[in-house]
Amino acid sequence: MNASRRDFVKNAGLGAAAAMMPVGARRLMSDGYREAATLPAASGFILGMASYTFREFGLEETLRMTQRLGLVKIAFKNFHLALDATPAEIEVVVEMVKAAGLDLYGGGVIYMRTEEEVHQAFNYAGAAGMRIIIGVPNHELLPLVERKVQEYDIKLAIHNHGPGDQVYPTPESAYERVKDLDPRMGLCIDVGHTQRAGVDPSDSVERYIDRLHDVHMKDVSAASREGGTVEVGRGVIDVPKLLGTLVRMNYQGVVAFEHEKDGSDPLAGVAESIGYVRGIMDAK
C-alpha cells in the first residue's frame, strides 16, 4: 500500500509548501491549534496520533486535525510521508510538522520484507529525525535490522497484527524474536489486535514492559478474529485496567490512537476515544 511519490506530492502539496512555508506555517499554527491537554504527571506516558487514522486525508488536514485533538506526538504512515520521498521532500514535511507544533516521533507501520526495504526504512526515519520505527520486519531480516538499529540509534517497535497474521500475530510472537537482541529492538503493542487474538493487552504490557517502545490504542467489538475497531470505551477491552497497568509498570512512551473505523470521517470517533482515555486518567 506504499503511496507513490506522485500521490505524495499531490496530497501534501509540496511544491506550494516549499515556496510558501512561512504562510503555511502561520496558518497551521493559528487554525484550530491549542495546547495539548496533559495527563497527570504520574502517568509517565503521553498520548499521540498514528496517522493511519487519517489515511484518506492529505498532510495539511492530518496535521490540523491532530492539533484540534490536542495531541503533540504523531507517527506518520507512508500516506503522509512517502517511503521513497527524497531528502528535500522529507525536509519540507518535517518543517511543516514542526510549524504545526507537533513532534514527528516515529513512522509506521513499515513493512520490511527485503534487505532493500530495511535500508530504505532506516534511511527514511533517519532523514526525518524519527526516534522509532513501528515496523514488521521478516524474521530472517532481524539480524540486519539489529545492525541498523545500532547504526542509527533508532528504536524498532514490532507491531502485532492479530489472528490471521503469519509473522507477528501477538506481542509474545514478537517478544520471543527480539528478547535476546539489542534492547532498542522491542514492541509496539496494538491493543486491539492483541485482544482479537484472545490475549489480554494488560497482561502483555506487564509481561513485556522491558521491550515496550510504543502502544497503538483502539478498542474492538469482540475478542475474536471478527472483532472490528470501535470507539475506545465502547468495546470489549478493559481500558481502565490497561491504563492502570501502563502507569503501574511505569511505561514512558507514546500511546498513539490508531482509529481504523470511519476512514472518511474519523474525527468524532477519535475525539470520543481521546476524551474517554483522558477522563479515566484524570480520575486516577
C-alpha atoms as a PDB file:
ATOM      1  CA  MET A   1       0.000   0.000   0.000  1.00  0.00           C
ATOM      2  CA  ASN A   2       3.014   2.334  -0.439  1.00  0.00           C
ATOM      3  CA  ALA A   3       1.940   5.696  -1.799  1.00  0.00           C
ATOM      4  CA  SER A   4       3.746   6.684  -4.975  1.00  0.00           C
ATOM      5  CA  ARG A   5       5.819   9.845  -4.956  1.00  0.00           C
ATOM      6  CA  ARG A   6       3.333  11.345  -7.409  1.00  0.00           C
ATOM      7  CA  ASP A   7       0.471  10.831  -4.951  1.00  0.00           C
ATOM      8  CA  PHE A   8       2.646  12.075  -2.127  1.00  0.00           C
ATOM      9  CA  VAL A   9       3.474  15.326  -3.893  1.00  0.00           C
ATOM     10  CA  LYS A  10      -0.147  15.813  -4.911  1.00  0.00           C
ATOM     11  CA  ASN A  11      -1.584  15.129  -1.457  1.00  0.00           C
ATOM     12  CA  ALA A  12       0.996  17.040   0.545  1.00  0.00           C
ATOM     13  CA  GLY A  13       1.197  19.971  -1.866  1.00  0.00           C
ATOM     14  CA  LEU A  14       4.964  20.042  -1.515  1.00  0.00           C
ATOM     15  CA  GLY A  15       5.608  22.391  -4.394  1.00  0.00           C
ATOM     16  CA  ALA A  16       3.405  25.059  -2.861  1.00  0.00           C
ATOM     17  CA  ALA A  17       4.575  24.269   0.643  1.00  0.00           C
ATOM     18  CA  ALA A  18       8.219  24.717  -0.262  1.00  0.00           C
ATOM     19  CA  ALA A  19       7.509  28.105  -1.856  1.00  0.00           C
ATOM     20  CA  MET A  20       5.163  29.355   0.874  1.00  0.00           C
ATOM     21  CA  MET A  21       6.411  27.747   4.070  1.00  0.00           C
ATOM     22  CA  PRO A  22       6.076  30.844   6.298  1.00  0.00           C
ATOM     23  CA  VAL A  23       2.440  31.365   5.249  1.00  0.00           C
ATOM     24  CA  GLY A  24       1.604  27.674   5.634  1.00  0.00           C
ATOM     25  CA  ALA A  25       3.317  27.553   8.968  1.00  0.00           C
ATOM     26  CA  ARG A  26       1.389  30.554  10.300  1.00  0.00           C
ATOM     27  CA  ARG A  27      -1.893  29.074   9.090  1.00  0.00           C
ATOM     28  CA  LEU A  28      -1.266  25.733  10.787  1.00  0.00           C
ATOM     29  CA  MET A  29      -0.258  27.427  13.994  1.00  0.00           C
ATOM     30  CA  SER A  30      -3.367  29.624  14.110  1.00  0.00           C
ATOM     31  CA  ASP A  31      -6.131  27.449  12.620  1.00  0.00           C
ATOM     32  CA  GLY A  32      -7.686  25.425  15.420  1.00  0.00           C
ATOM     33  CA  TYR A  33      -4.433  24.917  17.359  1.00  0.00           C
ATOM     34  CA  ARG A  34      -4.473  24.643  21.125  1.00  0.00           C
ATOM     35  CA  GLU A  35      -2.074  23.407  23.728  1.00  0.00           C
ATOM     36  CA  ALA A  36      -2.268  19.661  24.310  1.00  0.00           C
ATOM     37  CA  ALA A  37      -4.160  18.667  27.414  1.00  0.00           C
ATOM     38  CA  THR A  38      -1.698  16.951  29.692  1.00  0.00           C
ATOM     39  CA  LEU A  39      -2.182  13.719  31.534  1.00  0.00           C
ATOM     40  CA  PRO A  40      -1.465  13.534  35.248  1.00  0.00           C
ATOM     41  CA  ALA A  41       2.275  13.685  35.831  1.00  0.00           C
ATOM     42  CA  ALA A  42       2.212  10.255  37.450  1.00  0.00           C
ATOM     43  CA  SER A  43       1.102   8.619  34.205  1.00  0.00           C
ATOM     44  CA  GLY A  44       4.577   8.724  32.642  1.00  0.00           C
ATOM     45  CA  PHE A  45       3.312   8.354  29.097  1.00  0.00           C
ATOM     46  CA  ILE A  46       1.933  10.810  26.549  1.00  0.00           C
ATOM     47  CA  LEU A  47      -0.923  10.487  24.084  1.00  0.00           C
ATOM     48  CA  GLY A  48      -0.229  10.684  20.363  1.00  0.00           C
ATOM     49  CA  MET A  49      -1.619  10.025  16.889  1.00  0.00           C
ATOM     50  CA  ALA A  50      -0.896   7.241  14.419  1.00  0.00           C
ATOM     51  CA  SER A  51      -1.564   8.997  11.130  1.00  0.00           C
ATOM     52  CA  TYR A  52      -3.104   5.865   9.589  1.00  0.00           C
ATOM     53  CA  THR A  53      -6.236   7.207  11.283  1.00  0.00           C
ATOM     54  CA  PHE A  54      -6.288   9.988   8.657  1.00  0.00           C
ATOM     55  CA  ARG A  55      -5.285   7.825   5.699  1.00  0.00           C
ATOM     56  CA  GLU A  56      -7.973   9.355   3.486  1.00  0.00           C
ATOM     57  CA  PHE A  57      -6.749  12.903   4.138  1.00  0.00           C
ATOM     58  CA  GLY A  58      -3.773  14.901   2.921  1.00  0.00           C
ATOM     59  CA  LEU A  59      -0.879  16.068   5.025  1.00  0.00           C
ATOM     60  CA  GLU A  60      -2.081  19.544   5.998  1.00  0.00           C
ATOM     61  CA  GLU A  61      -5.532  18.306   7.032  1.00  0.00           C
ATOM     62  CA  THR A  62      -3.916  15.493   9.040  1.00  0.00           C
ATOM     63  CA  LEU A  63      -1.772  17.991  10.928  1.00  0.00           C
ATOM     64  CA  ARG A  64      -4.714  20.289  11.503  1.00  0.00           C
ATOM     65  CA  MET A  65      -6.957  17.526  12.862  1.00  0.00           C
ATOM     66  CA  THR A  66      -4.193  16.301  15.149  1.00  0.00           C
ATOM     67  CA  GLN A  67      -3.878  19.842  16.505  1.00  0.00           C
ATOM     68  CA  ARG A  68      -7.637  20.065  17.056  1.00  0.00           C
ATOM     69  CA  LEU A  69      -7.476  16.878  19.108  1.00  0.00           C
ATOM     70  CA  GLY A  70      -4.922  18.461  21.423  1.00  0.00           C
ATOM     71  CA  LEU A  71      -2.137  15.980  20.636  1.00  0.00           C
ATOM     72  CA  VAL A  72       1.521  16.848  20.074  1.00  0.00           C
ATOM     73  CA  LYS A  73       3.046  13.485  19.112  1.00  0.00           C
ATOM     74  CA  ILE A  74       2.487  11.950  15.676  1.00  0.00           C
ATOM     75  CA  ALA A  75       3.804   8.885  13.828  1.00  0.00           C
ATOM     76  CA  PHE A  76       3.444   9.001  10.047  1.00  0.00           C
ATOM     77  CA  LYS A  77       2.140   6.269   7.817  1.00  0.00           C
ATOM     78  CA  ASN A  78       3.508   6.482   4.268  1.00  0.00           C
ATOM     79  CA  PHE A  79       0.317   8.236   3.105  1.00  0.00           C
ATOM     80  CA  HIS A  80       1.660  11.399   4.738  1.00  0.00           C
ATOM     81  CA  LEU A  81       5.381  10.957   4.110  1.00  0.00           C
ATOM     82  CA  ALA A  82       6.191   8.512   1.339  1.00  0.00           C
ATOM     83  CA  LEU A  83       8.898   5.943   1.960  1.00  0.00           C
ATOM     84  CA  ASP A  84      10.547   6.896  -1.334  1.00  0.00           C
ATOM     85  CA  ALA A  85      10.478  10.638  -0.624  1.00  0.00           C
ATOM     86  CA  THR A  86      13.685  12.493  -1.443  1.00  0.00           C
ATOM     87  CA  PRO A  87      15.687  14.183   1.329  1.00  0.00           C
ATOM     88  CA  ALA A  88      14.391  17.554   0.087  1.00  0.00           C
ATOM     89  CA  GLU A  89      10.777  16.374   0.257  1.00  0.00           C
ATOM     90  CA  ILE A  90      11.331  14.952   3.733  1.00  0.00           C
ATOM     91  CA  GLU A  91      12.846  18.244   4.885  1.00  0.00           C
ATOM     92  CA  VAL A  92       9.808  20.222   3.720  1.00  0.00           C
ATOM     93  CA  VAL A  93       7.381  17.885   5.517  1.00  0.00           C
ATOM     94  CA  VAL A  94       9.428  17.880   8.724  1.00  0.00           C
ATOM     95  CA  GLU A  95       9.355  21.692   8.737  1.00  0.00           C
ATOM     96  CA  MET A  96       5.576  21.635   8.237  1.00  0.00           C
ATOM     97  CA  VAL A  97       5.199  19.289  11.208  1.00  0.00           C
ATOM     98  CA  LYS A  98       7.371  21.498  13.391  1.00  0.00           C
ATOM     99  CA  ALA A  99       5.473  24.604  12.285  1.00  0.00           C
ATOM    100  CA  ALA A 100       2.273  22.905  13.386  1.00  0.00           C
ATOM    101  CA  GLY A 101       3.719  22.442  16.864  1.00  0.00           C
ATOM    102  CA  LEU A 102       3.873  18.653  16.513  1.00  0.00           C
ATOM    103  CA  ASP A 103       6.618  16.126  17.140  1.00  0.00           C
ATOM    104  CA  LEU A 104       7.178  13.552  14.380  1.00  0.00           C
ATOM    105  CA  TYR A 105       8.433  10.924  16.778  1.00  0.00           C
ATOM    106  CA  GLY A 106       8.071   7.857  14.547  1.00  0.00           C
ATOM    107  CA  GLY A 107       6.959   6.196  11.359  1.00  0.00           C
ATOM    108  CA  GLY A 108       4.872   3.159  10.651  1.00  0.00           C
ATOM    109  CA  VAL A 109       3.629   0.656  10.227  1.00  0.00           C
ATOM    110  CA  ILE A 110       6.569  -0.014   7.868  1.00  0.00           C
ATOM    111  CA  TYR A 111       6.898  -3.463   6.342  1.00  0.00           C
ATOM    112  CA  MET A 112      10.391  -4.838   5.732  1.00  0.00           C
ATOM    113  CA  ARG A 113      10.297  -7.898   3.500  1.00  0.00           C
ATOM    114  CA  THR A 114      13.662  -7.439   1.776  1.00  0.00           C
ATOM    115  CA  GLU A 115      17.091  -6.104   2.680  1.00  0.00           C
ATOM    116  CA  GLU A 116      16.443  -3.129   0.425  1.00  0.00           C
ATOM    117  CA  GLU A 117      13.311  -2.266   2.392  1.00  0.00           C
ATOM    118  CA  VAL A 118      15.266  -2.427   5.663  1.00  0.00           C
ATOM    119  CA  HIS A 119      17.843   0.048   4.345  1.00  0.00           C
ATOM    120  CA  GLN A 120      15.097   2.277   2.966  1.00  0.00           C
ATOM    121  CA  ALA A 121      13.198   2.318   6.268  1.00  0.00           C
ATOM    122  CA  PHE A 122      16.186   3.418   8.322  1.00  0.00           C
ATOM    123  CA  ASN A 123      17.378   5.975   5.766  1.00  0.00           C
ATOM    124  CA  TYR A 124      13.862   7.417   5.724  1.00  0.00           C
ATOM    125  CA  ALA A 125      13.480   7.518   9.507  1.00  0.00           C
ATOM    126  CA  GLY A 126      16.953   8.953   9.960  1.00  0.00           C
ATOM    127  CA  ALA A 127      16.376  11.729   7.423  1.00  0.00           C
ATOM    128  CA  ALA A 128      13.098  12.678   9.143  1.00  0.00           C
ATOM    129  CA  GLY A 129      14.616  12.671  12.633  1.00  0.00           C
ATOM    130  CA  MET A 130      12.297   9.899  13.816  1.00  0.00           C
ATOM    131  CA  ARG A 131      13.311   8.111  17.006  1.00  0.00           C
ATOM    132  CA  ILE A 132      11.316   4.963  16.414  1.00  0.00           C
ATOM    133  CA  ILE A 133      10.193   2.756  13.544  1.00  0.00           C
ATOM    134  CA  ILE A 134       6.940   0.909  14.107  1.00  0.00           C
ATOM    135  CA  GLY A 135       7.649  -1.996  11.808  1.00  0.00           C
ATOM    136  CA  VAL A 136       7.089  -5.519  10.635  1.00  0.00           C
ATOM    137  CA  PRO A 137      10.422  -7.000   9.553  1.00  0.00           C
ATOM    138  CA  ASN A 138      10.522 -10.554   8.212  1.00  0.00           C
ATOM    139  CA  HIS A 139      12.101 -12.909  10.718  1.00  0.00           C
ATOM    140  CA  GLU A 140      15.173 -13.628   8.603  1.00  0.00           C
ATOM    141  CA  LEU A 141      15.919  -9.886   8.400  1.00  0.00           C
ATOM    142  CA  LEU A 142      16.130  -9.305  12.156  1.00  0.00           C
ATOM    143  CA  PRO A 143      19.954  -9.553  12.285  1.00  0.00           C
ATOM    144  CA  LEU A 144      20.201  -6.821   9.644  1.00  0.00           C
ATOM    145  CA  VAL A 145      17.571  -4.739  11.426  1.00  0.00           C
ATOM    146  CA  GLU A 146      19.541  -5.019  14.667  1.00  0.00           C
ATOM    147  CA  ARG A 147      22.651  -3.708  12.910  1.00  0.00           C
ATOM    148  CA  LYS A 148      20.688  -0.777  11.518  1.00  0.00           C
ATOM    149  CA  VAL A 149      19.219  -0.019  14.957  1.00  0.00           C
ATOM    150  CA  GLN A 150      22.755   0.160  16.303  1.00  0.00           C
ATOM    151  CA  GLU A 151      23.995   2.242  13.369  1.00  0.00           C
ATOM    152  CA  TYR A 152      21.195   4.836  13.510  1.00  0.00           C
ATOM    153  CA  ASP A 153      20.275   4.647  17.212  1.00  0.00           C
ATOM    154  CA  ILE A 154      16.619   4.385  16.180  1.00  0.00           C
ATOM    155  CA  LYS A 155      14.336   2.029  18.062  1.00  0.00           C
ATOM    156  CA  LEU A 156      12.339  -0.676  16.310  1.00  0.00           C
ATOM    157  CA  ALA A 157       8.879  -1.466  17.701  1.00  0.00           C
ATOM    158  CA  ILE A 158       7.418  -4.593  16.116  1.00  0.00           C
ATOM    159  CA  HIS A 159       3.690  -4.251  15.558  1.00  0.00           C
ATOM    160  CA  ASN A 160       1.468  -7.299  16.083  1.00  0.00           C
ATOM    161  CA  HIS A 161      -1.498  -7.709  13.731  1.00  0.00           C
ATOM    162  CA  GLY A 162      -3.665 -10.322  15.425  1.00  0.00           C
ATOM    163  CA  PRO A 163      -5.214 -13.592  14.251  1.00  0.00           C
ATOM    164  CA  GLY A 164      -4.546 -14.320  10.633  1.00  0.00           C
ATOM    165  CA  ASP A 165      -1.134 -12.626  10.675  1.00  0.00           C
ATOM    166  CA  GLN A 166       1.566 -15.165   9.906  1.00  0.00           C
ATOM    167  CA  VAL A 167       4.519 -13.016  11.012  1.00  0.00           C
ATOM    168  CA  TYR A 168       3.670 -11.395  14.380  1.00  0.00           C
ATOM    169  CA  PRO A 169       0.110 -12.220  15.467  1.00  0.00           C
ATOM    170  CA  THR A 170       0.657 -11.449  19.180  1.00  0.00           C
ATOM    171  CA  PRO A 171       3.064  -9.415  21.311  1.00  0.00           C
ATOM    172  CA  GLU A 172       4.566 -12.703  22.543  1.00  0.00           C
ATOM    173  CA  SER A 173       5.424 -13.769  18.992  1.00  0.00           C
ATOM    174  CA  ALA A 174       7.432 -10.574  18.552  1.00  0.00           C
ATOM    175  CA  TYR A 175       8.997 -10.625  22.012  1.00  0.00           C
ATOM    176  CA  GLU A 176      10.355 -14.121  21.534  1.00  0.00           C
ATOM    177  CA  ARG A 177      12.169 -12.931  18.407  1.00  0.00           C
ATOM    178  CA  VAL A 178      13.815  -9.861  19.964  1.00  0.00           C
ATOM    179  CA  LYS A 179      14.292 -10.668  23.676  1.00  0.00           C
ATOM    180  CA  ASP A 180      17.970 -11.558  23.202  1.00  0.00           C
ATOM    181  CA  LEU A 181      18.744  -8.760  20.719  1.00  0.00           C
ATOM    182  CA  ASP A 182      19.694  -5.122  21.247  1.00  0.00           C
ATOM    183  CA  PRO A 183      17.312  -3.602  23.846  1.00  0.00           C
ATOM    184  CA  ARG A 184      16.274  -0.985  21.305  1.00  0.00           C
ATOM    185  CA  MET A 185      14.539  -3.862  19.477  1.00  0.00           C
ATOM    186  CA  GLY A 186      11.106  -4.116  21.028  1.00  0.00           C
ATOM    187  CA  LEU A 187       7.346  -3.992  20.600  1.00  0.00           C
ATOM    188  CA  CYS A 188       4.500  -1.759  19.552  1.00  0.00           C
ATOM    189  CA  ILE A 189       1.603  -3.496  21.248  1.00  0.00           C
ATOM    190  CA  ASP A 190      -1.544  -2.943  19.229  1.00  0.00           C
ATOM    191  CA  VAL A 191      -4.077  -3.433  21.986  1.00  0.00           C
ATOM    192  CA  GLY A 192      -6.956  -4.094  19.581  1.00  0.00           C
ATOM    193  CA  HIS A 193      -5.210  -6.812  17.589  1.00  0.00           C
ATOM    194  CA  THR A 194      -3.930  -8.285  20.848  1.00  0.00           C
ATOM    195  CA  GLN A 195      -7.468  -8.562  22.200  1.00  0.00           C
ATOM    196  CA  ARG A 196      -8.675 -10.003  18.873  1.00  0.00           C
ATOM    197  CA  ALA A 197      -6.081 -12.761  19.333  1.00  0.00           C
ATOM    198  CA  GLY A 198      -7.680 -13.675  22.648  1.00  0.00           C
ATOM    199  CA  VAL A 199      -4.892 -12.119  24.711  1.00  0.00           C
ATOM    200  CA  ASP A 200      -5.469  -9.526  27.427  1.00  0.00           C
ATOM    201  CA  PRO A 201      -3.384  -6.491  26.367  1.00  0.00           C
ATOM    202  CA  SER A 202      -2.841  -5.565  30.020  1.00  0.00           C
ATOM    203  CA  ASP A 203      -1.120  -8.903  30.576  1.00  0.00           C
ATOM    204  CA  SER A 204       1.081  -8.314  27.524  1.00  0.00           C
ATOM    205  CA  VAL A 205       2.088  -4.883  28.812  1.00  0.00           C
ATOM    206  CA  GLU A 206       3.069  -6.386  32.154  1.00  0.00           C
ATOM    207  CA  ARG A 207       4.959  -9.327  30.630  1.00  0.00           C
ATOM    208  CA  TYR A 208       6.883  -7.380  28.007  1.00  0.00           C
ATOM    209  CA  ILE A 209       7.345  -3.944  29.565  1.00  0.00           C
ATOM    210  CA  ASP A 210      11.124  -4.237  29.261  1.00  0.00           C
ATOM    211  CA  ARG A 211      10.732  -4.140  25.462  1.00  0.00           C
ATOM    212  CA  LEU A 212       7.629  -1.973  25.132  1.00  0.00           C
ATOM    213  CA  HIS A 213       8.534   1.007  22.944  1.00  0.00           C
ATOM    214  CA  ASP A 214       5.131   2.087  21.585  1.00  0.00           C
ATOM    215  CA  VAL A 215       1.413   1.392  22.013  1.00  0.00           C
ATOM    216  CA  HIS A 216      -1.398   1.606  19.450  1.00  0.00           C
ATOM    217  CA  MET A 217      -4.611   2.448  21.255  1.00  0.00           C
ATOM    218  CA  LYS A 218      -8.026   1.356  19.987  1.00  0.00           C
ATOM    219  CA  ASP A 219     -10.966  -0.749  21.091  1.00  0.00           C
ATOM    220  CA  VAL A 220     -12.622  -3.711  19.371  1.00  0.00           C
ATOM    221  CA  SER A 221     -16.112  -5.135  19.234  1.00  0.00           C
ATOM    222  CA  ALA A 222     -15.137  -8.741  20.021  1.00  0.00           C
ATOM    223  CA  ALA A 223     -12.200 -10.722  21.392  1.00  0.00           C
ATOM    224  CA  SER A 224     -12.008 -12.732  18.202  1.00  0.00           C
ATOM    225  CA  ARG A 225     -10.822 -12.542  14.628  1.00  0.00           C
ATOM    226  CA  GLU A 226     -14.153 -10.945  13.693  1.00  0.00           C
ATOM    227  CA  GLY A 227     -13.722  -8.037  16.108  1.00  0.00           C
ATOM    228  CA  GLY A 228     -13.695  -4.623  14.448  1.00  0.00           C
ATOM    229  CA  THR A 229     -12.459  -1.245  15.633  1.00  0.00           C
ATOM    230  CA  VAL A 230     -14.889   0.813  17.716  1.00  0.00           C
ATOM    231  CA  GLU A 231     -14.509   3.977  19.752  1.00  0.00           C
ATOM    232  CA  VAL A 232     -12.394   3.413  22.867  1.00  0.00           C
ATOM    233  CA  GLY A 233     -14.699   2.549  25.731  1.00  0.00           C
ATOM    234  CA  ARG A 234     -17.415   1.012  23.551  1.00  0.00           C
ATOM    235  CA  GLY A 235     -15.702  -2.326  23.006  1.00  0.00           C
ATOM    236  CA  VAL A 236     -14.506  -5.324  24.980  1.00  0.00           C
ATOM    237  CA  ILE A 237     -11.079  -4.115  26.099  1.00  0.00           C
ATOM    238  CA  ASP A 238     -10.814  -3.324  29.806  1.00  0.00           C
ATOM    239  CA  VAL A 239      -9.372   0.136  29.171  1.00  0.00           C
ATOM    240  CA  PRO A 240      -9.193   1.272  32.835  1.00  0.00           C
ATOM    241  CA  LYS A 241      -7.201  -1.871  33.629  1.00  0.00           C
ATOM    242  CA  LEU A 242      -4.927  -1.288  30.619  1.00  0.00           C
ATOM    243  CA  LEU A 243      -4.195   2.322  31.529  1.00  0.00           C
ATOM    244  CA  GLY A 244      -3.646   1.367  35.141  1.00  0.00           C
ATOM    245  CA  THR A 245      -1.157  -1.282  34.058  1.00  0.00           C
ATOM    246  CA  LEU A 246       0.754   1.202  31.905  1.00  0.00           C
ATOM    247  CA  VAL A 247       1.006   3.545  34.884  1.00  0.00           C
ATOM    248  CA  ARG A 248       1.929   0.788  37.334  1.00  0.00           C
ATOM    249  CA  MET A 249       4.630  -0.564  35.010  1.00  0.00           C
ATOM    250  CA  ASN A 250       5.972   2.981  34.514  1.00  0.00           C
ATOM    251  CA  TYR A 251       5.624   2.965  30.733  1.00  0.00           C
ATOM    252  CA  GLN A 252       7.382   6.088  29.418  1.00  0.00           C
ATOM    253  CA  GLY A 253       6.497   6.019  25.710  1.00  0.00           C
ATOM    254  CA  VAL A 254       3.662   7.194  23.483  1.00  0.00           C
ATOM    255  CA  VAL A 255       0.131   5.791  23.469  1.00  0.00           C
ATOM    256  CA  ALA A 256      -0.901   6.551  19.883  1.00  0.00           C
ATOM    257  CA  PHE A 257      -4.524   6.407  18.755  1.00  0.00           C
ATOM    258  CA  GLU A 258      -4.983   4.326  15.607  1.00  0.00           C
ATOM    259  CA  HIS A 259      -8.660   4.629  14.762  1.00  0.00           C
ATOM    260  CA  GLU A 260      -9.408   2.309  11.849  1.00  0.00           C
ATOM    261  CA  LYS A 261     -13.155   2.991  11.847  1.00  0.00           C
ATOM    262  CA  ASP A 262     -14.858   5.650   9.683  1.00  0.00           C
ATOM    263  CA  GLY A 263     -11.891   6.355   7.434  1.00  0.00           C
ATOM    264  CA  SER A 264     -13.647   9.173   5.603  1.00  0.00           C
ATOM    265  CA  ASP A 265     -14.891  10.838   8.808  1.00  0.00           C
ATOM    266  CA  PRO A 266     -12.789   9.712  11.789  1.00  0.00           C
ATOM    267  CA  LEU A 267     -12.556  12.908  13.831  1.00  0.00           C
ATOM    268  CA  ALA A 268     -15.601  12.435  16.058  1.00  0.00           C
ATOM    269  CA  GLY A 269     -14.678   8.850  16.918  1.00  0.00           C
ATOM    270  CA  VAL A 270     -11.072   9.728  17.712  1.00  0.00           C
ATOM    271  CA  ALA A 271     -12.147  12.697  19.831  1.00  0.00           C
ATOM    272  CA  GLU A 272     -14.514  10.457  21.800  1.00  0.00           C
ATOM    273  CA  SER A 273     -11.734   7.901  22.298  1.00  0.00           C
ATOM    274  CA  ILE A 274      -9.236  10.501  23.490  1.00  0.00           C
ATOM    275  CA  GLY A 275     -11.800  12.038  25.829  1.00  0.00           C
ATOM    276  CA  TYR A 276     -12.576   8.634  27.336  1.00  0.00           C
ATOM    277  CA  VAL A 277      -8.897   7.899  27.992  1.00  0.00           C
ATOM    278  CA  ARG A 278      -8.255  11.338  29.450  1.00  0.00           C
ATOM    279  CA  GLY A 279     -11.306  11.005  31.661  1.00  0.00           C
ATOM    280  CA  ILE A 280     -10.019   7.748  33.101  1.00  0.00           C
ATOM    281  CA  MET A 281      -6.580   9.184  33.702  1.00  0.00           C
ATOM    282  CA  ASP A 282      -7.961  12.330  35.336  1.00  0.00           C
ATOM    283  CA  ALA A 283      -9.881  10.118  37.758  1.00  0.00           C
ATOM    284  CA  LYS A 284      -6.795   8.165  38.834  1.00  0.00           C
END
